[in-house]
Amino acid sequence: MNKSGKILLNILVTLLIYFLIFYLSHTLFQDYLFVWTAQNKYCYIWVLSLLLILMQKPLISYCITLGNILGIFIGQYLGDHLRAVSMSKITQYSTAEEQWHLSLHYGVLIWIIVIVLVSVVGLLYTFYVKTKCRHLKDT
């Protein structure tokens, strides 16, 4: 397959993944983070994924896409757990500010952190492979 064919295939696969998670967020998964990310168009990280493919960096693009999927699930369910633990600390003597603070859902923050972590792992892997290839060429 030629270079433009690979780029087109990577774009189609990436778009399919984002459309699938978008569709599932509107139909099957009706939890907070699934709906929030879909309504906010995943903060347009899918555009970054497509740009990276066009710049011939498909591995990093797929890492961002994978981080998005993992981040949504981890963010939703870990965020729910953290919120439940925090809300259990609310008492009848808690102020309105304390109640508000303890009822926050940190799913979006967790989602972003997971995307960044998975992307960093992809970048480190890419640098490792490039370094190893250079080393093999030099020998």
Protein backbone atom coordinates (compact mmCIF):
# COMPACT_ATOMS: atom_id res chain seq x y z
CA MET A 1 0.00 0.00 0.00
CA ASN A 2 1.38 3.41 -0.92
CA LYS A 3 1.86 6.31 1.52
CA SER A 4 -1.37 8.15 0.65
CA GLY A 5 -3.35 4.91 0.94
CA LYS A 6 -1.99 4.32 4.45
CA ILE A 7 -2.81 7.89 5.44
CA LEU A 8 -6.36 7.54 4.12
CA LEU A 9 -6.82 4.20 5.88
CA ASN A 10 -5.56 5.66 9.19
CA ILE A 11 -7.90 8.64 8.83
CA LEU A 12 -10.87 6.37 8.14
CA VAL A 13 -10.08 4.08 11.08
CA THR A 14 -9.61 7.03 13.44
CA LEU A 15 -12.84 8.70 12.32
CA LEU A 16 -14.70 5.40 12.64
CA ILE A 17 -13.47 5.03 16.22
CA TYR A 18 -14.52 8.58 17.15
CA PHE A 19 -17.92 8.26 15.45
CA LEU A 20 -18.50 4.92 17.17
CA ILE A 21 -17.74 6.28 20.63
CA PHE A 22 -19.83 9.39 19.81
CA TYR A 23 -22.76 7.19 18.77
CA LEU A 24 -22.42 4.97 21.86
CA SER A 25 -22.24 8.06 24.08
CA HIS A 26 -25.60 9.21 22.74
CA THR A 27 -27.32 5.83 22.79
CA LEU A 28 -25.87 3.24 25.15
CA PHE A 29 -23.79 5.17 27.67
CA GLN A 30 -25.85 7.95 29.23
CA ASP A 31 -23.52 8.66 32.14
CA TYR A 32 -22.12 12.11 32.86
CA LEU A 33 -18.72 11.95 31.17
CA PHE A 34 -19.90 10.08 28.07
CA VAL A 35 -22.55 12.72 27.43
CA TRP A 36 -20.31 15.65 28.36
CA THR A 37 -17.48 14.61 26.04
CA ALA A 38 -19.86 13.89 23.17
CA GLN A 39 -21.65 17.23 23.58
CA ASN A 40 -18.30 19.02 23.67
CA LYS A 41 -17.07 17.05 20.64
CA TYR A 42 -14.25 15.52 22.73
CA CYS A 43 -12.70 19.00 22.98
CA TYR A 44 -11.73 18.51 19.33
CA ILE A 45 -8.90 16.10 20.16
CA TRP A 46 -10.06 14.12 17.13
CA VAL A 47 -8.79 17.02 15.01
CA LEU A 48 -5.38 16.62 16.64
CA SER A 49 -5.48 12.90 15.86
CA LEU A 50 -6.24 13.59 12.20
CA LEU A 51 -3.51 16.23 11.96
CA LEU A 52 -0.98 13.82 13.41
CA ILE A 53 -1.94 11.25 10.79
CA LEU A 54 -1.46 13.84 8.05
CA MET A 55 1.96 14.63 9.59
CA GLN A 56 2.73 10.89 9.30
CA LYS A 57 2.60 10.26 13.06
CA PRO A 58 -0.10 7.57 13.16
CA LEU A 59 1.20 5.87 16.31
CA ILE A 60 0.84 9.02 18.39
CA SER A 61 -2.56 9.63 16.79
CA TYR A 62 -3.72 6.17 17.79
CA CYS A 63 -2.35 6.73 21.30
CA ILE A 64 -4.47 9.87 21.62
CA THR A 65 -7.49 7.97 20.29
CA LEU A 66 -6.88 5.07 22.68
CA GLY A 67 -6.31 7.54 25.53
CA ASN A 68 -9.65 9.14 24.70
CA ILE A 69 -11.49 5.83 24.95
CA LEU A 70 -9.69 4.68 28.09
CA GLY A 71 -9.99 8.14 29.62
CA ILE A 72 -13.74 8.29 29.13
CA PHE A 73 -14.29 4.94 30.83
CA ILE A 74 -11.76 5.47 33.62
CA GLY A 75 -12.86 9.08 34.11
CA GLN A 76 -16.52 8.15 34.35
CA TYR A 77 -16.24 5.23 36.74
CA LEU A 78 -13.31 6.45 38.83
CA GLY A 79 -14.94 9.90 38.92
CA ASP A 80 -18.18 8.30 40.15
CA HIS A 81 -16.30 6.44 42.86
CA LEU A 82 -14.35 9.50 44.01
CA ARG A 83 -17.54 11.57 44.03
CA ALA A 84 -19.37 8.96 46.12
CA VAL A 85 -16.51 8.86 48.63
CA SER A 86 -16.46 12.67 48.82
CA MET A 87 -20.24 12.98 49.13
CA SER A 88 -20.25 10.51 52.01
CA LYS A 89 -18.35 13.18 53.96
CA ILE A 90 -21.23 15.65 53.67
CA THR A 91 -23.04 16.15 56.94
CA GLN A 92 -26.01 18.25 57.98
CA TYR A 93 -23.49 20.77 59.32
CA SER A 94 -21.62 21.14 56.03
CA THR A 95 -21.78 24.56 54.46
CA ALA A 96 -23.14 25.04 50.95
CA GLU A 97 -19.58 25.59 49.70
CA GLU A 98 -18.38 22.35 51.33
CA GLN A 99 -21.34 20.46 49.86
CA TRP A 100 -20.62 21.87 46.40
CA HIS A 101 -16.91 21.04 46.64
CA LEU A 102 -17.55 17.51 47.90
CA SER A 103 -20.09 16.83 45.12
CA LEU A 104 -17.74 17.61 42.22
CA HIS A 105 -17.16 14.93 39.59
CA TYR A 106 -13.54 14.79 38.46
CA GLY A 107 -14.23 12.69 35.37
CA VAL A 108 -13.15 15.33 32.85
CA LEU A 109 -9.85 15.90 34.63
CA ILE A 110 -9.21 12.16 34.80
CA TRP A 111 -10.12 11.84 31.10
CA ILE A 112 -7.56 14.49 30.14
CA ILE A 113 -4.87 13.00 32.39
CA VAL A 114 -5.35 9.56 30.83
CA ILE A 115 -5.11 11.01 27.31
CA VAL A 116 -1.88 12.80 28.23
CA LEU A 117 -0.37 9.73 29.92
CA VAL A 118 -1.17 7.39 27.02
CA SER A 119 0.16 9.98 24.56
CA VAL A 120 3.40 10.36 26.52
CA VAL A 121 3.85 6.58 26.50
CA GLY A 122 3.34 6.64 22.71
CA LEU A 123 5.88 9.45 22.32
CA LEU A 124 8.43 7.65 24.48
CA TYR A 125 7.92 4.47 22.49
CA THR A 126 8.37 6.39 19.22
CA PHE A 127 11.61 7.97 20.48
CA TYR A 128 12.82 4.58 21.70
CA VAL A 129 12.18 2.95 18.33
CA LYS A 130 13.87 5.81 16.44
CA THR A 131 16.88 5.67 18.75
CA LYS A 132 17.13 1.91 18.38
CA CYS A 133 16.88 2.16 14.56
CA ARG A 134 19.63 4.81 14.48
CA HIS A 135 21.79 2.65 16.69
CA LEU A 136 21.30 -0.36 14.41
CA LYS A 137 22.16 1.74 11.34
CA ASP A 138 25.37 2.96 12.97
CA THR A 139 26.59 -0.58 13.66
